N, C-alpha and C. Protein backbone atom coordinates (compact mmCIF):
# COMPACT_ATOMS: atom_id res chain seq x y z
N UNK A 1 0.84 -1.19 0.00
CA UNK A 1 0.00 0.00 0.00
C UNK A 1 0.88 1.25 0.00
N UNK A 2 0.51 2.23 -0.79
CA UNK A 2 1.29 3.47 -0.85
C UNK A 2 1.08 4.26 0.43
N UNK A 3 2.16 4.60 1.09
CA UNK A 3 2.04 5.36 2.33
C UNK A 3 1.81 6.83 2.05
N UNK A 4 2.45 7.35 0.99
CA UNK A 4 2.37 8.79 0.74
C UNK A 4 0.98 9.21 0.28
N UNK A 5 0.41 8.52 -0.68
CA UNK A 5 -0.87 8.96 -1.26
C UNK A 5 -2.05 8.13 -0.81
N UNK A 6 -1.81 6.94 -0.30
CA UNK A 6 -2.88 6.05 0.12
C UNK A 6 -3.83 5.77 -1.05
N UNK A 7 -3.30 5.71 -2.28
CA UNK A 7 -4.13 5.48 -3.46
C UNK A 7 -4.07 4.04 -3.95
N UNK A 8 -3.03 3.33 -3.60
CA UNK A 8 -2.90 1.95 -4.07
C UNK A 8 -3.80 1.07 -3.23
N UNK A 9 -4.63 0.34 -3.89
CA UNK A 9 -5.51 -0.55 -3.14
C UNK A 9 -5.80 -1.78 -4.00
N UNK A 10 -6.16 -2.85 -3.36
CA UNK A 10 -6.53 -4.03 -4.13
C UNK A 10 -7.94 -3.82 -4.66
N UNK A 11 -8.15 -4.27 -5.89
CA UNK A 11 -9.46 -4.11 -6.53
C UNK A 11 -10.27 -5.37 -6.32
N UNK A 12 -11.57 -5.21 -6.13
CA UNK A 12 -12.46 -6.35 -5.92
C UNK A 12 -12.84 -6.94 -7.27
N UNK A 13 -12.45 -8.17 -7.52
CA UNK A 13 -12.72 -8.81 -8.81
C UNK A 13 -14.21 -8.94 -9.07
N UNK A 14 -15.02 -9.09 -8.04
CA UNK A 14 -16.47 -9.25 -8.23
C UNK A 14 -17.13 -7.96 -8.73
N UNK A 15 -16.41 -6.84 -8.65
CA UNK A 15 -16.96 -5.58 -9.14
C UNK A 15 -16.46 -5.22 -10.53
N UNK A 16 -15.61 -6.05 -11.13
CA UNK A 16 -15.15 -5.81 -12.49
C UNK A 16 -16.33 -5.85 -13.46
N UNK A 17 -16.27 -5.00 -14.48
CA UNK A 17 -17.30 -5.02 -15.51
C UNK A 17 -16.66 -5.44 -16.82
N UNK A 18 -17.45 -6.09 -17.65
CA UNK A 18 -16.94 -6.58 -18.92
C UNK A 18 -17.01 -5.53 -20.01
N UNK A 19 -16.65 -5.95 -21.20
CA UNK A 19 -16.61 -5.07 -22.36
C UNK A 19 -17.97 -4.43 -22.63
N UNK A 20 -19.02 -5.24 -22.69
CA UNK A 20 -20.36 -4.72 -23.00
C UNK A 20 -20.83 -3.71 -21.96
N UNK A 21 -20.58 -3.98 -20.69
CA UNK A 21 -20.97 -3.03 -19.64
C UNK A 21 -20.18 -1.73 -19.76
N UNK A 22 -18.90 -1.86 -20.10
CA UNK A 22 -18.06 -0.67 -20.27
C UNK A 22 -18.57 0.21 -21.41
N UNK A 23 -18.88 -0.42 -22.54
CA UNK A 23 -19.40 0.33 -23.69
C UNK A 23 -20.72 1.00 -23.34
N UNK A 24 -21.60 0.28 -22.68
CA UNK A 24 -22.90 0.84 -22.28
C UNK A 24 -22.70 2.05 -21.37
N UNK A 25 -21.82 1.93 -20.41
CA UNK A 25 -21.56 3.02 -19.48
C UNK A 25 -21.03 4.26 -20.21
N UNK A 26 -20.05 4.06 -21.08
CA UNK A 26 -19.44 5.19 -21.78
C UNK A 26 -20.39 5.82 -22.79
N UNK A 27 -21.24 5.06 -23.42
CA UNK A 27 -22.18 5.61 -24.40
C UNK A 27 -23.35 6.33 -23.74
N UNK A 28 -23.64 6.03 -22.49
CA UNK A 28 -24.75 6.68 -21.78
C UNK A 28 -24.37 8.04 -21.21
N UNK A 29 -23.09 8.35 -21.16
CA UNK A 29 -22.66 9.61 -20.54
C UNK A 29 -23.25 10.79 -21.27
N UNK A 30 -23.73 11.75 -20.54
CA UNK A 30 -24.32 12.95 -21.11
C UNK A 30 -23.94 14.15 -20.25
N UNK A 31 -23.93 15.30 -20.88
CA UNK A 31 -23.76 16.54 -20.14
C UNK A 31 -25.13 16.95 -19.60
N UNK A 32 -25.16 17.41 -18.39
CA UNK A 32 -26.42 17.83 -17.78
C UNK A 32 -26.51 19.35 -17.87
N UNK A 33 -27.59 19.81 -18.44
CA UNK A 33 -27.78 21.25 -18.59
C UNK A 33 -29.03 21.74 -17.87
N UNK A 34 -29.80 20.83 -17.34
CA UNK A 34 -31.00 21.20 -16.58
C UNK A 34 -30.85 20.55 -15.20
N UNK A 35 -30.79 21.38 -14.19
CA UNK A 35 -30.48 20.90 -12.86
C UNK A 35 -31.71 20.92 -11.97
N UNK A 36 -31.75 20.02 -11.02
CA UNK A 36 -32.82 19.99 -10.04
C UNK A 36 -32.58 21.08 -9.00
N UNK A 37 -33.63 21.60 -8.46
CA UNK A 37 -33.53 22.61 -7.41
C UNK A 37 -33.39 21.91 -6.06
N UNK A 38 -32.27 21.25 -5.88
CA UNK A 38 -32.04 20.43 -4.69
C UNK A 38 -30.57 20.51 -4.32
N UNK A 39 -30.28 20.77 -3.06
CA UNK A 39 -28.88 20.83 -2.62
C UNK A 39 -28.34 19.42 -2.40
N UNK A 40 -27.06 19.28 -2.61
CA UNK A 40 -26.37 18.00 -2.39
C UNK A 40 -25.74 18.06 -1.00
N UNK A 41 -25.90 16.98 -0.24
CA UNK A 41 -25.34 17.02 1.11
C UNK A 41 -23.82 16.86 1.06
N UNK A 42 -23.17 17.36 2.07
CA UNK A 42 -21.70 17.40 2.11
C UNK A 42 -21.06 16.02 2.06
N UNK A 43 -21.70 15.01 2.65
CA UNK A 43 -21.13 13.65 2.61
C UNK A 43 -21.04 13.15 1.17
N UNK A 44 -22.05 13.44 0.35
CA UNK A 44 -22.02 13.01 -1.05
C UNK A 44 -20.94 13.76 -1.82
N UNK A 45 -20.75 15.03 -1.52
CA UNK A 45 -19.70 15.81 -2.18
C UNK A 45 -18.33 15.23 -1.85
N UNK A 46 -18.11 14.89 -0.60
CA UNK A 46 -16.83 14.29 -0.19
C UNK A 46 -16.61 12.97 -0.90
N UNK A 47 -17.65 12.14 -1.02
CA UNK A 47 -17.53 10.86 -1.72
C UNK A 47 -17.15 11.06 -3.18
N UNK A 48 -17.76 12.04 -3.83
CA UNK A 48 -17.46 12.31 -5.24
C UNK A 48 -16.01 12.78 -5.41
N UNK A 49 -15.54 13.63 -4.51
CA UNK A 49 -14.16 14.10 -4.60
C UNK A 49 -13.18 12.95 -4.36
N UNK A 50 -13.48 12.09 -3.39
CA UNK A 50 -12.61 10.93 -3.15
C UNK A 50 -12.57 10.03 -4.37
N UNK A 51 -13.71 9.86 -5.04
CA UNK A 51 -13.77 9.03 -6.23
C UNK A 51 -12.99 9.68 -7.37
N UNK A 52 -13.10 10.99 -7.52
CA UNK A 52 -12.46 11.70 -8.62
C UNK A 52 -10.94 11.68 -8.51
N UNK A 53 -10.41 11.49 -7.35
CA UNK A 53 -8.95 11.51 -7.22
C UNK A 53 -8.28 10.33 -7.91
N UNK A 54 -9.06 9.33 -8.29
CA UNK A 54 -8.52 8.19 -9.03
C UNK A 54 -8.47 8.46 -10.53
N UNK A 55 -8.96 9.61 -10.97
CA UNK A 55 -8.90 9.96 -12.39
C UNK A 55 -7.45 10.11 -12.82
N UNK A 56 -7.15 9.68 -14.05
CA UNK A 56 -5.76 9.80 -14.51
C UNK A 56 -5.33 11.26 -14.67
N UNK A 57 -4.07 11.51 -14.40
CA UNK A 57 -3.48 12.84 -14.61
C UNK A 57 -2.16 12.65 -15.36
N UNK A 58 -1.70 13.71 -15.99
CA UNK A 58 -0.44 13.64 -16.72
C UNK A 58 0.70 13.26 -15.80
N UNK A 59 1.45 12.26 -16.19
CA UNK A 59 2.59 11.76 -15.41
C UNK A 59 2.18 11.32 -14.01
N UNK A 60 0.89 11.03 -13.83
CA UNK A 60 0.34 10.62 -12.53
C UNK A 60 0.71 11.63 -11.44
N UNK A 61 0.67 12.91 -11.80
CA UNK A 61 1.09 13.96 -10.87
C UNK A 61 0.06 14.24 -9.78
N UNK A 62 -1.18 13.85 -10.01
CA UNK A 62 -2.25 14.03 -9.01
C UNK A 62 -2.34 15.49 -8.54
N UNK A 63 -2.22 16.42 -9.47
CA UNK A 63 -2.22 17.84 -9.11
C UNK A 63 -3.61 18.47 -9.18
N UNK A 64 -4.63 17.70 -9.45
CA UNK A 64 -5.99 18.25 -9.53
C UNK A 64 -6.46 18.70 -8.15
N UNK A 65 -7.29 19.73 -8.16
CA UNK A 65 -7.87 20.22 -6.91
C UNK A 65 -9.30 20.67 -7.16
N UNK A 66 -10.06 20.83 -6.12
CA UNK A 66 -11.45 21.21 -6.24
C UNK A 66 -11.77 22.36 -5.30
N UNK A 67 -12.65 23.22 -5.77
CA UNK A 67 -13.25 24.26 -4.93
C UNK A 67 -14.73 23.96 -4.90
N UNK A 68 -15.27 23.72 -3.74
CA UNK A 68 -16.69 23.40 -3.60
C UNK A 68 -17.42 24.66 -3.15
N UNK A 69 -18.38 25.06 -3.95
CA UNK A 69 -19.21 26.22 -3.61
C UNK A 69 -20.61 25.68 -3.40
N UNK A 70 -21.04 25.70 -2.18
CA UNK A 70 -22.31 25.10 -1.83
C UNK A 70 -23.32 26.20 -1.53
N UNK A 71 -24.47 26.09 -2.12
CA UNK A 71 -25.53 27.06 -1.89
C UNK A 71 -25.88 27.80 -3.17
N UNK A 72 -27.15 27.80 -3.51
CA UNK A 72 -27.63 28.39 -4.76
C UNK A 72 -27.29 29.88 -4.85
N UNK A 73 -27.42 30.60 -3.75
CA UNK A 73 -27.15 32.03 -3.77
C UNK A 73 -25.69 32.32 -4.10
N UNK A 74 -24.79 31.57 -3.50
CA UNK A 74 -23.37 31.76 -3.77
C UNK A 74 -23.03 31.44 -5.21
N UNK A 75 -23.58 30.36 -5.73
CA UNK A 75 -23.31 29.98 -7.11
C UNK A 75 -23.84 31.05 -8.07
N UNK A 76 -25.05 31.52 -7.82
CA UNK A 76 -25.63 32.57 -8.66
C UNK A 76 -24.82 33.86 -8.63
N UNK A 77 -24.30 34.19 -7.45
CA UNK A 77 -23.49 35.40 -7.32
C UNK A 77 -22.20 35.27 -8.15
N UNK A 78 -21.55 34.13 -8.04
CA UNK A 78 -20.32 33.90 -8.80
C UNK A 78 -20.62 33.89 -10.30
N UNK A 79 -21.74 33.31 -10.69
CA UNK A 79 -22.12 33.22 -12.11
C UNK A 79 -22.59 34.57 -12.64
N UNK A 80 -22.84 35.53 -11.75
CA UNK A 80 -23.31 36.84 -12.18
C UNK A 80 -24.79 36.90 -12.49
N UNK A 81 -25.57 36.01 -11.88
CA UNK A 81 -27.01 36.01 -12.10
C UNK A 81 -27.74 36.80 -11.07
């Protein structure tokens, strides 16, 4: 296990997906342009960020970072609405 990044982990073979499942997943991806008027709880945001850290980066530098802006009013203010 990697001590520095804690990113190396054993993968569960029972969760592997095959070729057909992979193609279905990738072809279903869509950009969302209409959003629900519902806030996301902080635990779900943390889970998404933890999941995103496994995304590939150039030279595996892991230099990606996130700024979470929670709250419709704050987002609207930043967007200039």
